[in-house]
């Protein structure tokens, strides 16, 4: 005698949070030193894109979202640090996201060259 096993299917709809990606450029998980004008310690970039960077920064009480900052980024593909202007776009417990403002062609080329040099060896998000 064969008895069919009971199974229950749940057809109820569930609300699922869908996060819309706002980034225009892929991010490269990348680590290099940086400085923020006015903060007297070296910091670490943890990802970079053609649009901006994320910097680990535990204490960002002097910064606010929307604030313009001046960054000095030590890219391993460049002899001299790349100096850029950026706008704080995100602050959280890990640090600060910043979007580049008005990159000149030289800085664009430096960041692009670094990104392209490491994109095949490091994770892109």
PDB file of N, CA and C in Angstrom:
ATOM      1  N   UNK A   1       0.837  -1.182   0.000  1.00  0.00           N
ATOM      2  CA  UNK A   1       0.000   0.000   0.000  1.00  0.00           C
ATOM      3  C   UNK A   1       0.879   1.242   0.000  1.00  0.00           C
ATOM      4  N   UNK A   2       0.600   2.126  -0.915  1.00  0.00           N
ATOM      5  CA  UNK A   2       1.391   3.353  -1.065  1.00  0.00           C
ATOM      6  C   UNK A   2       0.590   4.518  -0.501  1.00  0.00           C
ATOM      7  N   UNK A   3       1.226   5.263   0.402  1.00  0.00           N
ATOM      8  CA  UNK A   3       0.577   6.419   1.012  1.00  0.00           C
ATOM      9  C   UNK A   3       1.292   7.673   0.522  1.00  0.00           C
ATOM     10  N   UNK A   4       0.531   8.582  -0.047  1.00  0.00           N
ATOM     11  CA  UNK A   4       1.107   9.836  -0.532  1.00  0.00           C
ATOM     12  C   UNK A   4       1.500  10.712   0.649  1.00  0.00           C
ATOM     13  N   UNK A   5       2.691  11.219   0.593  1.00  0.00           N
ATOM     14  CA  UNK A   5       3.154  12.110   1.662  1.00  0.00           C
ATOM     15  C   UNK A   5       2.481  13.465   1.503  1.00  0.00           C
ATOM     16  N   UNK A   6       2.104  14.025   2.617  1.00  0.00           N
ATOM     17  CA  UNK A   6       1.496  15.353   2.578  1.00  0.00           C
ATOM     18  C   UNK A   6       2.588  16.403   2.413  1.00  0.00           C
ATOM     19  N   UNK A   7       2.344  17.349   1.581  1.00  0.00           N
ATOM     20  CA  UNK A   7       3.269  18.474   1.473  1.00  0.00           C
ATOM     21  C   UNK A   7       2.440  19.746   1.404  1.00  0.00           C
ATOM     22  N   UNK A   8       3.001  20.768   1.938  1.00  0.00           N
ATOM     23  CA  UNK A   8       2.312  22.053   1.976  1.00  0.00           C
ATOM     24  C   UNK A   8       3.141  23.060   1.210  1.00  0.00           C
ATOM     25  N   UNK A   9       2.497  23.753   0.366  1.00  0.00           N
ATOM     26  CA  UNK A   9       3.154  24.830  -0.361  1.00  0.00           C
ATOM     27  C   UNK A   9       2.624  26.153   0.152  1.00  0.00           C
ATOM     28  N   UNK A  10       3.526  27.044   0.388  1.00  0.00           N
ATOM     29  CA  UNK A  10       3.148  28.353   0.913  1.00  0.00           C
ATOM     30  C   UNK A  10       3.144  29.351  -0.248  1.00  0.00           C
ATOM     31  N   UNK A  11       1.946  29.781  -0.632  1.00  0.00           N
ATOM     32  CA  UNK A  11       1.802  30.699  -1.757  1.00  0.00           C
ATOM     33  C   UNK A  11       1.625  32.155  -1.317  1.00  0.00           C
ATOM     34  N   UNK A  12       1.762  32.394  -0.040  1.00  0.00           N
ATOM     35  CA  UNK A  12       1.599  33.774   0.436  1.00  0.00           C
ATOM     36  C   UNK A  12       2.723  34.656  -0.095  1.00  0.00           C
ATOM     37  N   UNK A  13       2.383  35.881  -0.373  1.00  0.00           N
ATOM     38  CA  UNK A  13       3.388  36.836  -0.823  1.00  0.00           C
ATOM     39  C   UNK A  13       4.112  37.395   0.392  1.00  0.00           C
ATOM     40  N   UNK A  14       5.365  37.631   0.198  1.00  0.00           N
ATOM     41  CA  UNK A  14       6.171  38.222   1.261  1.00  0.00           C
ATOM     42  C   UNK A  14       6.795  39.507   0.728  1.00  0.00           C
ATOM     43  N   UNK A  15       6.852  40.494   1.587  1.00  0.00           N
ATOM     44  CA  UNK A  15       7.513  41.742   1.205  1.00  0.00           C
ATOM     45  C   UNK A  15       9.013  41.525   1.312  1.00  0.00           C
ATOM     46  N   UNK A  16       9.707  41.795   0.247  1.00  0.00           N
ATOM     47  CA  UNK A  16      11.150  41.639   0.222  1.00  0.00           C
ATOM     48  C   UNK A  16      11.749  42.998  -0.098  1.00  0.00           C
ATOM     49  N   UNK A  17      12.688  43.397   0.742  1.00  0.00           N
ATOM     50  CA  UNK A  17      13.332  44.689   0.516  1.00  0.00           C
ATOM     51  C   UNK A  17      14.279  44.561  -0.672  1.00  0.00           C
ATOM     52  N   UNK A  18      14.081  45.400  -1.653  1.00  0.00           N
ATOM     53  CA  UNK A  18      14.940  45.415  -2.830  1.00  0.00           C
ATOM     54  C   UNK A  18      15.690  46.736  -2.808  1.00  0.00           C
ATOM     55  N   UNK A  19      16.996  46.606  -2.800  1.00  0.00           N
ATOM     56  CA  UNK A  19      17.823  47.807  -2.757  1.00  0.00           C
ATOM     57  C   UNK A  19      18.204  48.196  -4.178  1.00  0.00           C
ATOM     58  N   UNK A  20      17.927  49.419  -4.532  1.00  0.00           N
ATOM     59  CA  UNK A  20      18.253  49.898  -5.869  1.00  0.00           C
ATOM     60  C   UNK A  20      19.678  50.440  -5.854  1.00  0.00           C
ATOM     61  N   UNK A  21      20.486  49.903  -6.737  1.00  0.00           N
ATOM     62  CA  UNK A  21      21.874  50.336  -6.841  1.00  0.00           C
ATOM     63  C   UNK A  21      21.928  51.699  -7.513  1.00  0.00           C
ATOM     64  N   UNK A  22      22.525  52.676  -6.845  1.00  0.00           N
ATOM     65  CA  UNK A  22      22.597  54.035  -7.358  1.00  0.00           C
ATOM     66  C   UNK A  22      23.932  54.334  -8.022  1.00  0.00           C
ATOM     67  N   UNK A  23      24.891  53.436  -7.881  1.00  0.00           N
ATOM     68  CA  UNK A  23      26.219  53.681  -8.432  1.00  0.00           C
ATOM     69  C   UNK A  23      26.221  53.615  -9.951  1.00  0.00           C
ATOM     70  N   UNK A  24      27.002  54.499 -10.547  1.00  0.00           N
ATOM     71  CA  UNK A  24      27.151  54.529 -12.002  1.00  0.00           C
ATOM     72  C   UNK A  24      28.390  53.764 -12.455  1.00  0.00           C
ATOM     73  N   UNK A  25      29.318  53.506 -11.514  1.00  0.00           N
ATOM     74  CA  UNK A  25      30.585  52.862 -11.841  1.00  0.00           C
ATOM     75  C   UNK A  25      30.792  51.639 -10.942  1.00  0.00           C
ATOM     76  N   UNK A  26      31.386  50.571 -11.467  1.00  0.00           N
ATOM     77  CA  UNK A  26      31.690  49.419 -10.611  1.00  0.00           C
ATOM     78  C   UNK A  26      32.765  49.800  -9.600  1.00  0.00           C
ATOM     79  N   UNK A  27      32.684  49.165  -8.419  1.00  0.00           N
ATOM     80  CA  UNK A  27      33.656  49.409  -7.360  1.00  0.00           C
ATOM     81  C   UNK A  27      34.676  48.287  -7.346  1.00  0.00           C
ATOM     82  N   UNK A  28      35.904  48.629  -7.063  1.00  0.00           N
ATOM     83  CA  UNK A  28      36.977  47.671  -6.934  1.00  0.00           C
ATOM     84  C   UNK A  28      37.364  47.594  -5.473  1.00  0.00           C
ATOM     85  N   UNK A  29      37.316  46.394  -4.909  1.00  0.00           N
ATOM     86  CA  UNK A  29      37.775  46.218  -3.529  1.00  0.00           C
ATOM     87  C   UNK A  29      39.277  46.450  -3.548  1.00  0.00           C
ATOM     88  N   UNK A  30      39.706  47.526  -2.945  1.00  0.00           N
ATOM     89  CA  UNK A  30      41.059  48.024  -3.141  1.00  0.00           C
ATOM     90  C   UNK A  30      41.511  48.720  -1.875  1.00  0.00           C
ATOM     91  N   UNK A  31      42.756  48.544  -1.502  1.00  0.00           N
ATOM     92  CA  UNK A  31      43.269  49.152  -0.274  1.00  0.00           C
ATOM     93  C   UNK A  31      44.499  49.998  -0.571  1.00  0.00           C
ATOM     94  N   UNK A  32      44.412  51.242  -0.170  1.00  0.00           N
ATOM     95  CA  UNK A  32      45.570  52.134  -0.248  1.00  0.00           C
ATOM     96  C   UNK A  32      45.377  53.245   0.787  1.00  0.00           C
ATOM     97  N   UNK A  33      46.460  53.947   1.072  1.00  0.00           N
ATOM     98  CA  UNK A  33      46.384  55.018   2.060  1.00  0.00           C
ATOM     99  C   UNK A  33      45.804  56.283   1.442  1.00  0.00           C
ATOM    100  N   UNK A  34      45.172  57.058   2.328  1.00  0.00           N
ATOM    101  CA  UNK A  34      44.617  58.351   1.918  1.00  0.00           C
ATOM    102  C   UNK A  34      44.668  59.300   3.101  1.00  0.00           C
ATOM    103  N   UNK A  35      44.557  60.552   2.795  1.00  0.00           N
ATOM    104  CA  UNK A  35      44.440  61.582   3.838  1.00  0.00           C
ATOM    105  C   UNK A  35      43.269  62.485   3.472  1.00  0.00           C
ATOM    106  N   UNK A  36      42.604  62.950   4.505  1.00  0.00           N
ATOM    107  CA  UNK A  36      41.546  63.946   4.342  1.00  0.00           C
ATOM    108  C   UNK A  36      42.076  65.233   4.950  1.00  0.00           C
ATOM    109  N   UNK A  37      42.061  66.308   4.167  1.00  0.00           N
ATOM    110  CA  UNK A  37      42.532  67.594   4.670  1.00  0.00           C
ATOM    111  C   UNK A  37      41.782  67.933   5.961  1.00  0.00           C
ATOM    112  N   UNK A  38      42.530  68.219   7.012  1.00  0.00           N
ATOM    113  CA  UNK A  38      41.929  68.574   8.294  1.00  0.00           C
ATOM    114  C   UNK A  38      41.890  67.416   9.280  1.00  0.00           C
ATOM    115  N   UNK A  39      42.146  66.198   8.832  1.00  0.00           N
ATOM    116  CA  UNK A  39      42.214  65.036   9.728  1.00  0.00           C
ATOM    117  C   UNK A  39      43.667  64.593   9.754  1.00  0.00           C
ATOM    118  N   UNK A  40      44.258  64.564  10.938  1.00  0.00           N
ATOM    119  CA  UNK A  40      45.701  64.419  11.053  1.00  0.00           C
ATOM    120  C   UNK A  40      46.190  62.980  11.186  1.00  0.00           C
ATOM    121  N   UNK A  41      45.582  62.068  10.470  1.00  0.00           N
ATOM    122  CA  UNK A  41      46.088  60.698  10.485  1.00  0.00           C
ATOM    123  C   UNK A  41      45.859  60.052   9.128  1.00  0.00           C
ATOM    124  N   UNK A  42      46.700  59.063   8.834  1.00  0.00           N
ATOM    125  CA  UNK A  42      46.527  58.315   7.591  1.00  0.00           C
ATOM    126  C   UNK A  42      45.303  57.428   7.720  1.00  0.00           C
ATOM    127  N   UNK A  43      44.585  57.291   6.632  1.00  0.00           N
ATOM    128  CA  UNK A  43      43.368  56.490   6.588  1.00  0.00           C
ATOM    129  C   UNK A  43      43.516  55.463   5.483  1.00  0.00           C
ATOM    130  N   UNK A  44      42.592  54.503   5.435  1.00  0.00           N
ATOM    131  CA  UNK A  44      42.644  53.461   4.417  1.00  0.00           C
ATOM    132  C   UNK A  44      41.407  53.479   3.550  1.00  0.00           C
ATOM    133  N   UNK A  45      41.641  53.533   2.248  1.00  0.00           N
ATOM    134  CA  UNK A  45      40.573  53.341   1.274  1.00  0.00           C
ATOM    135  C   UNK A  45      40.331  51.839   1.185  1.00  0.00           C
ATOM    136  N   UNK A  46      39.059  51.416   1.179  1.00  0.00           N
ATOM    137  CA  UNK A  46      38.759  49.987   1.052  1.00  0.00           C
ATOM    138  C   UNK A  46      38.104  49.641  -0.274  1.00  0.00           C
ATOM    139  N   UNK A  47      37.610  50.633  -0.984  1.00  0.00           N
ATOM    140  CA  UNK A  47      37.185  50.407  -2.366  1.00  0.00           C
ATOM    141  C   UNK A  47      37.227  51.716  -3.136  1.00  0.00           C
ATOM    142  N   UNK A  48      37.365  51.563  -4.440  1.00  0.00           N
ATOM    143  CA  UNK A  48      37.501  52.731  -5.309  1.00  0.00           C
ATOM    144  C   UNK A  48      36.750  52.466  -6.605  1.00  0.00           C
ATOM    145  N   UNK A  49      36.253  53.531  -7.203  1.00  0.00           N
ATOM    146  CA  UNK A  49      35.636  53.466  -8.522  1.00  0.00           C
ATOM    147  C   UNK A  49      35.984  54.762  -9.236  1.00  0.00           C
ATOM    148  N   UNK A  50      35.557  54.883 -10.467  1.00  0.00           N
ATOM    149  CA  UNK A  50      35.773  56.134 -11.187  1.00  0.00           C
ATOM    150  C   UNK A  50      34.910  57.257 -10.606  1.00  0.00           C
ATOM    151  N   UNK A  51      33.937  56.889  -9.774  1.00  0.00           N
ATOM    152  CA  UNK A  51      33.042  57.881  -9.202  1.00  0.00           C
ATOM    153  C   UNK A  51      33.366  58.296  -7.786  1.00  0.00           C
ATOM    154  N   UNK A  52      34.160  57.481  -7.059  1.00  0.00           N
ATOM    155  CA  UNK A  52      34.442  57.824  -5.677  1.00  0.00           C
ATOM    156  C   UNK A  52      35.172  56.720  -4.924  1.00  0.00           C
ATOM    157  N   UNK A  53      35.214  56.880  -3.595  1.00  0.00           N
ATOM    158  CA  UNK A  53      35.940  55.949  -2.732  1.00  0.00           C
ATOM    159  C   UNK A  53      35.162  55.705  -1.445  1.00  0.00           C
ATOM    160  N   UNK A  54      35.532  54.623  -0.747  1.00  0.00           N
ATOM    161  CA  UNK A  54      35.077  54.424   0.624  1.00  0.00           C
ATOM    162  C   UNK A  54      36.325  54.402   1.490  1.00  0.00           C
ATOM    163  N   UNK A  55      36.306  55.188   2.554  1.00  0.00           N
ATOM    164  CA  UNK A  55      37.450  55.316   3.452  1.00  0.00           C
ATOM    165  C   UNK A  55      37.049  54.835   4.834  1.00  0.00           C
ATOM    166  N   UNK A  56      37.839  53.902   5.397  1.00  0.00           N
ATOM    167  CA  UNK A  56      37.604  53.459   6.775  1.00  0.00           C
ATOM    168  C   UNK A  56      37.938  54.608   7.704  1.00  0.00           C
ATOM    169  N   UNK A  57      36.998  54.924   8.567  1.00  0.00           N
ATOM    170  CA  UNK A  57      37.156  56.066   9.462  1.00  0.00           C
ATOM    171  C   UNK A  57      36.237  55.856  10.651  1.00  0.00           C
ATOM    172  N   UNK A  58      36.792  55.446  11.770  1.00  0.00           N
ATOM    173  CA  UNK A  58      35.961  55.134  12.942  1.00  0.00           C
ATOM    174  C   UNK A  58      35.308  56.375  13.545  1.00  0.00           C
ATOM    175  N   UNK A  59      36.054  57.447  13.657  1.00  0.00           N
ATOM    176  CA  UNK A  59      35.507  58.667  14.248  1.00  0.00           C
ATOM    177  C   UNK A  59      35.345  59.722  13.160  1.00  0.00           C
ATOM    178  N   UNK A  60      34.129  59.896  12.708  1.00  0.00           N
ATOM    179  CA  UNK A  60      33.882  60.891  11.660  1.00  0.00           C
ATOM    180  C   UNK A  60      32.965  61.998  12.160  1.00  0.00           C
ATOM    181  N   UNK A  61      33.115  62.312  13.447  1.00  0.00           N
ATOM    182  CA  UNK A  61      32.224  63.312  14.048  1.00  0.00           C
ATOM    183  C   UNK A  61      32.420  64.702  13.459  1.00  0.00           C
ATOM    184  N   UNK A  62      33.565  64.963  12.842  1.00  0.00           N
ATOM    185  CA  UNK A  62      33.797  66.284  12.257  1.00  0.00           C
ATOM    186  C   UNK A  62      33.245  66.394  10.839  1.00  0.00           C
ATOM    187  N   UNK A  63      32.743  65.283  10.291  1.00  0.00           N
ATOM    188  CA  UNK A  63      32.227  65.269   8.923  1.00  0.00           C
ATOM    189  C   UNK A  63      30.716  65.174   8.900  1.00  0.00           C
ATOM    190  N   UNK A  64      30.108  65.632   7.826  1.00  0.00           N
ATOM    191  CA  UNK A  64      28.663  65.502   7.673  1.00  0.00           C
ATOM    192  C   UNK A  64      28.347  65.181   6.207  1.00  0.00           C
ATOM    193  N   UNK A  65      27.252  64.539   5.998  1.00  0.00           N
ATOM    194  CA  UNK A  65      26.826  64.179   4.651  1.00  0.00           C
ATOM    195  C   UNK A  65      26.641  65.455   3.829  1.00  0.00           C
ATOM    196  N   UNK A  66      27.148  65.450   2.599  1.00  0.00           N
ATOM    197  CA  UNK A  66      27.054  66.611   1.730  1.00  0.00           C
ATOM    198  C   UNK A  66      28.247  67.547   1.820  1.00  0.00           C
ATOM    199  N   UNK A  67      29.098  67.351   2.815  1.00  0.00           N
ATOM    200  CA  UNK A  67      30.268  68.206   3.011  1.00  0.00           C
ATOM    201  C   UNK A  67      31.307  67.947   1.912  1.00  0.00           C
ATOM    202  N   UNK A  68      31.983  69.006   1.471  1.00  0.00           N
ATOM    203  CA  UNK A  68      33.077  68.880   0.513  1.00  0.00           C
ATOM    204  C   UNK A  68      34.366  68.649   1.286  1.00  0.00           C
ATOM    205  N   UNK A  69      35.149  67.644   0.844  1.00  0.00           N
ATOM    206  CA  UNK A  69      36.430  67.323   1.476  1.00  0.00           C
ATOM    207  C   UNK A  69      37.508  67.268   0.391  1.00  0.00           C
ATOM    208  N   UNK A  70      38.740  67.412   0.819  1.00  0.00           N
ATOM    209  CA  UNK A  70      39.887  67.328  -0.077  1.00  0.00           C
ATOM    210  C   UNK A  70      40.694  66.098   0.312  1.00  0.00           C
ATOM    211  N   UNK A  71      40.861  65.185  -0.649  1.00  0.00           N
ATOM    212  CA  UNK A  71      41.527  63.913  -0.407  1.00  0.00           C
ATOM    213  C   UNK A  71      42.880  63.879  -1.096  1.00  0.00           C
ATOM    214  N   UNK A  72      43.798  63.190  -0.474  1.00  0.00           N
ATOM    215  CA  UNK A  72      45.103  62.922  -1.042  1.00  0.00           C
ATOM    216  C   UNK A  72      45.227  61.391  -1.044  1.00  0.00           C
ATOM    217  N   UNK A  73      45.188  60.775  -2.221  1.00  0.00           N
ATOM    218  CA  UNK A  73      45.134  59.321  -2.359  1.00  0.00           C
ATOM    219  C   UNK A  73      46.468  58.803  -2.886  1.00  0.00           C
ATOM    220  N   UNK A  74      47.053  57.860  -2.150  1.00  0.00           N
ATOM    221  CA  UNK A  74      48.335  57.261  -2.544  1.00  0.00           C
ATOM    222  C   UNK A  74      48.080  56.010  -3.373  1.00  0.00           C
ATOM    223  N   UNK A  75      47.882  56.189  -4.674  1.00  0.00           N
ATOM    224  CA  UNK A  75      47.663  55.055  -5.570  1.00  0.00           C
ATOM    225  C   UNK A  75      49.000  54.367  -5.849  1.00  0.00           C
ATOM    226  N   UNK A  76      49.033  53.029  -5.803  1.00  0.00           N
ATOM    227  CA  UNK A  76      50.303  52.326  -6.021  1.00  0.00           C
ATOM    228  C   UNK A  76      50.837  52.456  -7.454  1.00  0.00           C
ATOM    229  N   UNK A  77      50.012  52.904  -8.361  1.00  0.00           N
ATOM    230  CA  UNK A  77      50.432  53.061  -9.760  1.00  0.00           C
ATOM    231  C   UNK A  77      50.959  54.463 -10.057  1.00  0.00           C
ATOM    232  N   UNK A  78      50.966  55.339  -9.048  1.00  0.00           N
ATOM    233  CA  UNK A  78      51.392  56.729  -9.246  1.00  0.00           C
ATOM    234  C   UNK A  78      52.552  57.062  -8.313  1.00  0.00           C
ATOM    235  N   UNK A  79      53.464  57.906  -8.795  1.00  0.00           N
ATOM    236  CA  UNK A  79      54.599  58.341  -7.963  1.00  0.00           C
ATOM    237  C   UNK A  79      54.163  59.307  -6.873  1.00  0.00           C
ATOM    238  N   UNK A  80      53.296  60.217  -7.251  1.00  0.00           N
ATOM    239  CA  UNK A  80      52.818  61.246  -6.326  1.00  0.00           C
ATOM    240  C   UNK A  80      51.361  60.965  -5.953  1.00  0.00           C
ATOM    241  N   UNK A  81      50.952  61.346  -4.738  1.00  0.00           N
ATOM    242  CA  UNK A  81      49.532  61.183  -4.371  1.00  0.00           C
ATOM    243  C   UNK A  81      48.625  61.975  -5.301  1.00  0.00           C
ATOM    244  N   UNK A  82      47.443  61.430  -5.545  1.00  0.00           N
ATOM    245  CA  UNK A  82      46.437  62.085  -6.370  1.00  0.00           C
ATOM    246  C   UNK A  82      45.578  62.943  -5.446  1.00  0.00           C
ATOM    247  N   UNK A  83      45.489  64.222  -5.749  1.00  0.00           N
ATOM    248  CA  UNK A  83      44.717  65.157  -4.925  1.00  0.00           C
ATOM    249  C   UNK A  83      43.391  65.427  -5.611  1.00  0.00           C
ATOM    250  N   UNK A  84      42.290  65.139  -4.898  1.00  0.00           N
ATOM    251  CA  UNK A  84      40.958  65.292  -5.475  1.00  0.00           C
ATOM    252  C   UNK A  84      40.017  65.973  -4.489  1.00  0.00           C
ATOM    253  N   UNK A  85      38.986  66.559  -5.047  1.00  0.00           N
ATOM    254  CA  UNK A  85      37.895  67.123  -4.260  1.00  0.00           C
ATOM    255  C   UNK A  85      36.755  66.118  -4.304  1.00  0.00           C
ATOM    256  N   UNK A  86      36.072  65.926  -3.163  1.00  0.00           N
ATOM    257  CA  UNK A  86      34.987  64.944  -3.098  1.00  0.00           C
ATOM    258  C   UNK A  86      33.891  65.451  -2.172  1.00  0.00           C
ATOM    259  N   UNK A  87      32.707  64.869  -2.321  1.00  0.00           N
ATOM    260  CA  UNK A  87      31.564  65.194  -1.466  1.00  0.00           C
ATOM    261  C   UNK A  87      31.211  63.957  -0.654  1.00  0.00           C
ATOM    262  N   UNK A  88      31.046  64.132   0.651  1.00  0.00           N
ATOM    263  CA  UNK A  88      30.668  63.028   1.538  1.00  0.00           C
ATOM    264  C   UNK A  88      29.266  62.573   1.150  1.00  0.00           C
ATOM    265  N   UNK A  89      29.149  61.308   0.744  1.00  0.00           N
ATOM    266  CA  UNK A  89      27.848  60.803   0.312  1.00  0.00           C
ATOM    267  C   UNK A  89      27.247  59.815   1.298  1.00  0.00           C
ATOM    268  N   UNK A  90      28.079  59.274   2.189  1.00  0.00           N
ATOM    269  CA  UNK A  90      27.599  58.264   3.128  1.00  0.00           C
ATOM    270  C   UNK A  90      28.508  58.246   4.348  1.00  0.00           C
ATOM    271  N   UNK A  91      27.897  58.172   5.522  1.00  0.00           N
ATOM    272  CA  UNK A  91      28.641  57.986   6.768  1.00  0.00           C
ATOM    273  C   UNK A  91      28.003  56.826   7.513  1.00  0.00           C
ATOM    274  N   UNK A  92      28.828  55.872   7.942  1.00  0.00           N
ATOM    275  CA  UNK A  92      28.298  54.768   8.743  1.00  0.00           C
ATOM    276  C   UNK A  92      29.346  54.337   9.756  1.00  0.00           C
ATOM    277  N   UNK A  93      29.097  53.260  10.458  1.00  0.00           N
ATOM    278  CA  UNK A  93      30.004  52.805  11.500  1.00  0.00           C
ATOM    279  C   UNK A  93      31.378  52.394  10.997  1.00  0.00           C
ATOM    280  N   UNK A  94      31.471  52.057   9.719  1.00  0.00           N
ATOM    281  CA  UNK A  94      32.759  51.659   9.137  1.00  0.00           C
ATOM    282  C   UNK A  94      33.568  52.845   8.632  1.00  0.00           C
ATOM    283  N   UNK A  95      32.871  53.879   8.174  1.00  0.00           N
ATOM    284  CA  UNK A  95      33.608  55.001   7.624  1.00  0.00           C
ATOM    285  C   UNK A  95      32.788  55.917   6.754  1.00  0.00           C
ATOM    286  N   UNK A  96      33.408  56.380   5.661  1.00  0.00           N
ATOM    287  CA  UNK A  96      32.831  57.437   4.846  1.00  0.00           C
ATOM    288  C   UNK A  96      32.909  57.082   3.366  1.00  0.00           C
ATOM    289  N   UNK A  97      31.800  57.232   2.679  1.00  0.00           N
ATOM    290  CA  UNK A  97      31.781  57.148   1.223  1.00  0.00           C
ATOM    291  C   UNK A  97      31.853  58.552   0.681  1.00  0.00           C
ATOM    292  N   UNK A  98      32.647  58.741  -0.370  1.00  0.00           N
ATOM    293  CA  UNK A  98      32.789  60.076  -0.946  1.00  0.00           C
ATOM    294  C   UNK A  98      32.749  59.985  -2.463  1.00  0.00           C
ATOM    295  N   UNK A  99      32.051  60.918  -3.069  1.00  0.00           N
ATOM    296  CA  UNK A  99      31.917  60.987  -4.525  1.00  0.00           C
ATOM    297  C   UNK A  99      32.843  62.084  -5.047  1.00  0.00           C
ATOM    298  N   UNK A 100      33.651  61.733  -6.051  1.00  0.00           N
ATOM    299  CA  UNK A 100      34.568  62.709  -6.632  1.00  0.00           C
ATOM    300  C   UNK A 100      33.794  63.867  -7.261  1.00  0.00           C
ATOM    301  N   UNK A 101      34.370  65.062  -7.153  1.00  0.00           N
ATOM    302  CA  UNK A 101      33.792  66.266  -7.744  1.00  0.00           C
ATOM    303  C   UNK A 101      34.804  66.842  -8.724  1.00  0.00           C
ATOM    304  N   UNK A 102      34.390  67.049  -9.956  1.00  0.00           N
ATOM    305  CA  UNK A 102      35.205  67.761 -10.928  1.00  0.00           C
ATOM    306  C   UNK A 102      36.612  67.220 -11.123  1.00  0.00           C
ATOM    307  N   UNK A 103      36.744  65.915 -11.315  1.00  0.00           N
ATOM    308  CA  UNK A 103      38.071  65.353 -11.567  1.00  0.00           C
ATOM    309  C   UNK A 103      38.656  65.936 -12.843  1.00  0.00           C
ATOM    310  N   UNK A 104      39.900  66.374 -12.767  1.00  0.00           N
ATOM    311  CA  UNK A 104      40.550  66.818 -13.994  1.00  0.00           C
ATOM    312  C   UNK A 104      41.011  65.586 -14.775  1.00  0.00           C
ATOM    313  N   UNK A 105      41.394  65.776 -16.012  1.00  0.00           N
ATOM    314  CA  UNK A 105      41.749  64.654 -16.884  1.00  0.00           C
ATOM    315  C   UNK A 105      42.921  63.843 -16.321  1.00  0.00           C
ATOM    316  N   UNK A 106      43.893  64.516 -15.756  1.00  0.00           N
ATOM    317  CA  UNK A 106      45.052  63.812 -15.189  1.00  0.00           C
ATOM    318  C   UNK A 106      44.615  62.872 -14.061  1.00  0.00           C
ATOM    319  N   UNK A 107      43.785  63.364 -13.152  1.00  0.00           N
ATOM    320  CA  UNK A 107      43.311  62.518 -12.052  1.00  0.00           C
ATOM    321  C   UNK A 107      42.413  61.387 -12.558  1.00  0.00           C
ATOM    322  N   UNK A 108      41.562  61.685 -13.539  1.00  0.00           N
ATOM    323  CA  UNK A 108      40.736  60.632 -14.136  1.00  0.00           C
ATOM    324  C   UNK A 108      41.615  59.525 -14.708  1.00  0.00           C
ATOM    325  N   UNK A 109      42.643  59.920 -15.449  1.00  0.00           N
ATOM    326  CA  UNK A 109      43.537  58.939 -16.051  1.00  0.00           C
ATOM    327  C   UNK A 109      44.296  58.137 -14.999  1.00  0.00           C
ATOM    328  N   UNK A 110      44.721  58.786 -13.925  1.00  0.00           N
ATOM    329  CA  UNK A 110      45.435  58.091 -12.842  1.00  0.00           C
ATOM    330  C   UNK A 110      44.540  57.061 -12.175  1.00  0.00           C
ATOM    331  N   UNK A 111      43.309  57.447 -11.861  1.00  0.00           N
ATOM    332  CA  UNK A 111      42.371  56.530 -11.206  1.00  0.00           C
ATOM    333  C   UNK A 111      41.980  55.405 -12.162  1.00  0.00           C
ATOM    334  N   UNK A 112      41.712  55.736 -13.411  1.00  0.00           N
ATOM    335  CA  UNK A 112      41.360  54.715 -14.407  1.00  0.00           C
ATOM    336  C   UNK A 112      42.500  53.711 -14.598  1.00  0.00           C
ATOM    337  N   UNK A 113      43.737  54.200 -14.686  1.00  0.00           N
ATOM    338  CA  UNK A 113      44.885  53.326 -14.866  1.00  0.00           C
ATOM    339  C   UNK A 113      45.025  52.374 -13.675  1.00  0.00           C
ATOM    340  N   UNK A 114      44.885  52.897 -12.474  1.00  0.00           N
ATOM    341  CA  UNK A 114      44.954  52.062 -11.269  1.00  0.00           C
ATOM    342  C   UNK A 114      43.830  51.028 -11.271  1.00  0.00           C
ATOM    343  N   UNK A 115      42.606  51.468 -11.556  1.00  0.00           N
ATOM    344  CA  UNK A 115      41.446  50.567 -11.588  1.00  0.00           C
ATOM    345  C   UNK A 115      41.687  49.457 -12.611  1.00  0.00           C
ATOM    346  N   UNK A 116      42.104  49.822 -13.812  1.00  0.00           N
ATOM    347  CA  UNK A 116      42.316  48.831 -14.865  1.00  0.00           C
ATOM    348  C   UNK A 116      43.484  47.898 -14.560  1.00  0.00           C
ATOM    349  N   UNK A 117      44.494  48.403 -13.858  1.00  0.00           N
ATOM    350  CA  UNK A 117      45.640  47.572 -13.488  1.00  0.00           C
ATOM    351  C   UNK A 117      45.231  46.455 -12.532  1.00  0.00           C
ATOM    352  N   UNK A 118      44.336  46.764 -11.587  1.00  0.00           N
ATOM    353  CA  UNK A 118      43.996  45.798 -10.548  1.00  0.00           C
ATOM    354  C   UNK A 118      42.655  45.094 -10.741  1.00  0.00           C
ATOM    355  N   UNK A 119      41.859  45.496 -11.717  1.00  0.00           N
ATOM    356  CA  UNK A 119      40.510  44.946 -11.844  1.00  0.00           C
ATOM    357  C   UNK A 119      40.477  43.446 -12.110  1.00  0.00           C
ATOM    358  N   UNK A 120      41.508  42.897 -12.723  1.00  0.00           N
ATOM    359  CA  UNK A 120      41.513  41.463 -13.013  1.00  0.00           C
ATOM    360  C   UNK A 120      42.039  40.621 -11.849  1.00  0.00           C
ATOM    361  N   UNK A 121      42.574  41.277 -10.821  1.00  0.00           N
ATOM    362  CA  UNK A 121      43.136  40.525  -9.700  1.00  0.00           C
ATOM    363  C   UNK A 121      42.391  40.744  -8.393  1.00  0.00           C
ATOM    364  N   UNK A 122      41.522  41.746  -8.342  1.00  0.00           N
ATOM    365  CA  UNK A 122      40.775  42.061  -7.120  1.00  0.00           C
ATOM    366  C   UNK A 122      39.277  42.019  -7.414  1.00  0.00           C
ATOM    367  N   UNK A 123      38.465  41.719  -6.378  1.00  0.00           N
ATOM    368  CA  UNK A 123      37.016  41.649  -6.599  1.00  0.00           C
ATOM    369  C   UNK A 123      36.394  42.985  -6.983  1.00  0.00           C
ATOM    370  N   UNK A 124      35.517  42.933  -7.984  1.00  0.00           N
ATOM    371  CA  UNK A 124      34.718  44.100  -8.377  1.00  0.00           C
ATOM    372  C   UNK A 124      33.316  43.882  -7.833  1.00  0.00           C
ATOM    373  N   UNK A 125      32.740  44.942  -7.225  1.00  0.00           N
ATOM    374  CA  UNK A 125      31.383  44.851  -6.683  1.00  0.00           C
ATOM    375  C   UNK A 125      30.475  45.738  -7.481  1.00  0.00           C
TER     376      UNK A 125
END
